[in-house]
Amino acid sequence: MTPNPNAAFKPGKTSASEKAAATDHTARAIVAAEKVARDKKTEKLKAMRLERAAAEPAAEVVPSKPSRKSPKS
C-alpha cells in the first residue's frame, strides 16, 4: 500500500472568510455564555437581596424634633 499525500494529517486550505466566520462564531458563543452567566448571577443576587430585605424588620421613621433657630437681633 502506497502512502496517500492527501492523508488525514494534511488539513485542507481554508479561505480567509471561513477563518473569520469561525472566529466570529466562537467569539459570539463566548460572549453569549458570559451574558447568560452574568444574568444568572444578577438574578441570584437580586433574590438574596429581596430575601434579606424581607427578613429585616421594617425601620420605623421617627419624626425628628424641629430645630430651634436663634432669635435674630
N, C-alpha and C. Protein backbone atom coordinates (compact mmCIF):
# COMPACT_ATOMS: atom_id res chain seq x y z
N MET A 1 0.84 -1.17 0.00
CA MET A 1 0.00 0.00 0.00
C MET A 1 0.89 1.24 0.00
N THR A 2 0.63 2.17 -0.89
CA THR A 2 1.44 3.37 -1.00
C THR A 2 0.79 4.49 -0.20
N PRO A 3 1.60 5.33 0.42
CA PRO A 3 1.01 6.43 1.20
C PRO A 3 0.33 7.45 0.30
N ASN A 4 -0.79 7.93 0.75
CA ASN A 4 -1.57 8.91 0.01
C ASN A 4 -1.17 10.31 0.48
N PRO A 5 -0.76 11.20 -0.43
CA PRO A 5 -0.36 12.54 0.00
C PRO A 5 -1.55 13.36 0.56
N ASN A 6 -2.74 12.97 0.24
CA ASN A 6 -3.94 13.66 0.75
C ASN A 6 -4.47 12.94 1.98
N ALA A 7 -3.58 12.54 2.84
CA ALA A 7 -3.97 11.79 4.03
C ALA A 7 -4.68 12.69 5.04
N ALA A 8 -5.14 12.10 6.12
CA ALA A 8 -5.90 12.83 7.13
C ALA A 8 -5.04 13.84 7.88
N PHE A 9 -3.73 13.71 7.87
CA PHE A 9 -2.88 14.60 8.62
C PHE A 9 -2.61 15.92 7.91
N LYS A 10 -3.01 16.04 6.67
CA LYS A 10 -2.80 17.26 5.92
C LYS A 10 -4.13 18.02 5.85
N PRO A 11 -4.25 19.10 6.60
CA PRO A 11 -5.52 19.82 6.55
C PRO A 11 -5.66 20.58 5.23
N GLY A 12 -6.89 20.71 4.79
CA GLY A 12 -7.14 21.46 3.57
C GLY A 12 -7.01 22.94 3.84
N LYS A 13 -6.78 23.69 2.80
CA LYS A 13 -6.65 25.14 2.93
C LYS A 13 -8.04 25.75 3.12
N THR A 14 -8.10 26.69 4.02
CA THR A 14 -9.37 27.39 4.24
C THR A 14 -9.19 28.85 3.84
N SER A 15 -10.25 29.43 3.36
CA SER A 15 -10.18 30.83 2.92
C SER A 15 -10.21 31.75 4.13
N ALA A 16 -9.83 32.97 3.90
CA ALA A 16 -9.81 33.97 4.98
C ALA A 16 -11.21 34.21 5.52
N SER A 17 -12.20 34.19 4.64
CA SER A 17 -13.57 34.44 5.10
C SER A 17 -14.07 33.29 5.97
N GLU A 18 -13.65 32.06 5.66
CA GLU A 18 -14.04 30.92 6.50
C GLU A 18 -13.39 31.02 7.87
N LYS A 19 -12.13 31.43 7.92
CA LYS A 19 -11.44 31.61 9.20
C LYS A 19 -12.11 32.72 10.01
N ALA A 20 -12.44 33.82 9.34
CA ALA A 20 -13.10 34.93 10.02
C ALA A 20 -14.46 34.52 10.55
N ALA A 21 -15.20 33.74 9.76
CA ALA A 21 -16.52 33.28 10.19
C ALA A 21 -16.40 32.36 11.41
N ALA A 22 -15.40 31.48 11.41
CA ALA A 22 -15.20 30.58 12.54
C ALA A 22 -14.83 31.36 13.80
N THR A 23 -13.97 32.36 13.65
CA THR A 23 -13.56 33.19 14.78
C THR A 23 -14.75 33.99 15.30
N ASP A 24 -15.53 34.55 14.39
CA ASP A 24 -16.70 35.32 14.77
C ASP A 24 -17.70 34.46 15.52
N HIS A 25 -17.93 33.26 15.01
CA HIS A 25 -18.86 32.33 15.65
C HIS A 25 -18.39 31.97 17.06
N THR A 26 -17.11 31.70 17.21
CA THR A 26 -16.56 31.34 18.52
C THR A 26 -16.65 32.51 19.49
N ALA A 27 -16.30 33.70 19.03
CA ALA A 27 -16.35 34.88 19.89
C ALA A 27 -17.78 35.18 20.33
N ARG A 28 -18.72 35.06 19.42
CA ARG A 28 -20.12 35.30 19.78
C ARG A 28 -20.63 34.26 20.77
N ALA A 29 -20.19 33.03 20.63
CA ALA A 29 -20.59 31.98 21.57
C ALA A 29 -20.04 32.28 22.97
N ILE A 30 -18.80 32.74 23.04
CA ILE A 30 -18.20 33.08 24.33
C ILE A 30 -18.94 34.24 24.98
N VAL A 31 -19.23 35.28 24.20
CA VAL A 31 -19.94 36.45 24.73
C VAL A 31 -21.33 36.06 25.21
N ALA A 32 -22.02 35.21 24.46
CA ALA A 32 -23.35 34.77 24.86
C ALA A 32 -23.30 33.97 26.16
N ALA A 33 -22.29 33.11 26.29
CA ALA A 33 -22.15 32.32 27.52
C ALA A 33 -21.87 33.23 28.72
N GLU A 34 -21.05 34.25 28.52
CA GLU A 34 -20.76 35.19 29.60
C GLU A 34 -22.01 35.97 29.99
N LYS A 35 -22.84 36.33 29.01
CA LYS A 35 -24.07 37.07 29.29
C LYS A 35 -25.03 36.20 30.11
N VAL A 36 -25.14 34.95 29.74
CA VAL A 36 -26.02 34.04 30.48
C VAL A 36 -25.54 33.90 31.93
N ALA A 37 -24.23 33.74 32.10
CA ALA A 37 -23.68 33.62 33.46
C ALA A 37 -23.90 34.90 34.25
N ARG A 38 -23.73 36.05 33.61
CA ARG A 38 -23.91 37.33 34.29
C ARG A 38 -25.37 37.52 34.70
N ASP A 39 -26.31 37.18 33.79
CA ASP A 39 -27.73 37.31 34.11
C ASP A 39 -28.13 36.37 35.24
N LYS A 40 -27.58 35.17 35.22
CA LYS A 40 -27.87 34.20 36.27
C LYS A 40 -27.38 34.72 37.63
N LYS A 41 -26.19 35.28 37.64
CA LYS A 41 -25.62 35.82 38.88
C LYS A 41 -26.45 37.00 39.37
N THR A 42 -26.88 37.87 38.44
CA THR A 42 -27.68 39.03 38.81
C THR A 42 -29.00 38.60 39.44
N GLU A 43 -29.65 37.61 38.85
CA GLU A 43 -30.91 37.11 39.40
C GLU A 43 -30.71 36.52 40.79
N LYS A 44 -29.62 35.79 40.97
CA LYS A 44 -29.33 35.18 42.27
C LYS A 44 -29.11 36.26 43.32
N LEU A 45 -28.31 37.28 42.98
CA LEU A 45 -28.05 38.36 43.93
C LEU A 45 -29.32 39.16 44.24
N LYS A 46 -30.16 39.35 43.24
CA LYS A 46 -31.41 40.07 43.46
C LYS A 46 -32.32 39.30 44.40
N ALA A 47 -32.40 37.99 44.21
CA ALA A 47 -33.22 37.16 45.09
C ALA A 47 -32.69 37.19 46.52
N MET A 48 -31.37 37.15 46.67
CA MET A 48 -30.78 37.21 48.00
C MET A 48 -31.06 38.56 48.66
N ARG A 49 -30.97 39.64 47.89
CA ARG A 49 -31.22 40.97 48.43
C ARG A 49 -32.67 41.11 48.88
N LEU A 50 -33.61 40.62 48.07
CA LEU A 50 -35.02 40.70 48.43
C LEU A 50 -35.32 39.84 49.65
N GLU A 51 -34.69 38.69 49.73
CA GLU A 51 -34.87 37.79 50.88
C GLU A 51 -34.36 38.45 52.15
N ARG A 52 -33.20 39.09 52.07
CA ARG A 52 -32.62 39.77 53.23
C ARG A 52 -33.49 40.95 53.64
N ALA A 53 -34.02 41.69 52.67
CA ALA A 53 -34.87 42.83 52.98
C ALA A 53 -36.17 42.38 53.64
N ALA A 54 -36.69 41.24 53.23
CA ALA A 54 -37.92 40.73 53.82
C ALA A 54 -37.67 40.22 55.24
N ALA A 55 -36.49 39.73 55.52
CA ALA A 55 -36.18 39.20 56.84
C ALA A 55 -35.94 40.31 57.86
N GLU A 56 -35.48 41.46 57.42
CA GLU A 56 -35.22 42.57 58.32
C GLU A 56 -36.54 43.20 58.74
N PRO A 57 -36.64 43.61 60.01
CA PRO A 57 -37.85 44.34 60.40
C PRO A 57 -37.83 45.72 59.74
N ALA A 58 -38.98 46.18 59.40
CA ALA A 58 -39.07 47.47 58.73
C ALA A 58 -38.67 48.57 59.70
N ALA A 59 -37.79 49.41 59.28
CA ALA A 59 -37.34 50.52 60.12
C ALA A 59 -38.43 51.58 60.16
N GLU A 60 -38.83 51.92 61.38
CA GLU A 60 -39.87 52.93 61.53
C GLU A 60 -39.24 54.31 61.43
N VAL A 61 -39.94 55.18 60.77
CA VAL A 61 -39.44 56.54 60.61
C VAL A 61 -39.91 57.34 61.81
N VAL A 62 -38.97 57.84 62.59
CA VAL A 62 -39.28 58.65 63.76
C VAL A 62 -39.11 60.10 63.37
N PRO A 63 -40.19 60.87 63.51
CA PRO A 63 -40.05 62.28 63.13
C PRO A 63 -39.10 62.98 64.10
N SER A 64 -38.21 63.74 63.56
CA SER A 64 -37.25 64.45 64.39
C SER A 64 -37.86 65.76 64.87
N LYS A 65 -37.37 66.22 66.00
CA LYS A 65 -37.85 67.48 66.55
C LYS A 65 -37.34 68.61 65.66
N PRO A 66 -38.17 69.60 65.44
CA PRO A 66 -37.69 70.72 64.62
C PRO A 66 -36.60 71.48 65.37
N SER A 67 -35.62 71.88 64.65
CA SER A 67 -34.52 72.60 65.27
C SER A 67 -34.95 74.03 65.58
N ARG A 68 -34.44 74.51 66.70
CA ARG A 68 -34.78 75.87 67.11
C ARG A 68 -33.80 76.83 66.44
N LYS A 69 -34.34 77.87 65.94
CA LYS A 69 -33.50 78.90 65.35
C LYS A 69 -33.27 79.97 66.40
N SER A 70 -32.08 80.48 66.44
CA SER A 70 -31.80 81.54 67.42
C SER A 70 -32.51 82.82 66.98
N PRO A 71 -32.99 83.59 67.92
CA PRO A 71 -33.68 84.83 67.55
C PRO A 71 -32.72 85.82 66.93
N LYS A 72 -33.20 86.47 65.93
CA LYS A 72 -32.36 87.45 65.24
C LYS A 72 -32.40 88.75 66.02
N SER A 73 -31.29 89.41 66.08
CA SER A 73 -31.24 90.69 66.80
C SER A 73 -31.28 91.85 65.87
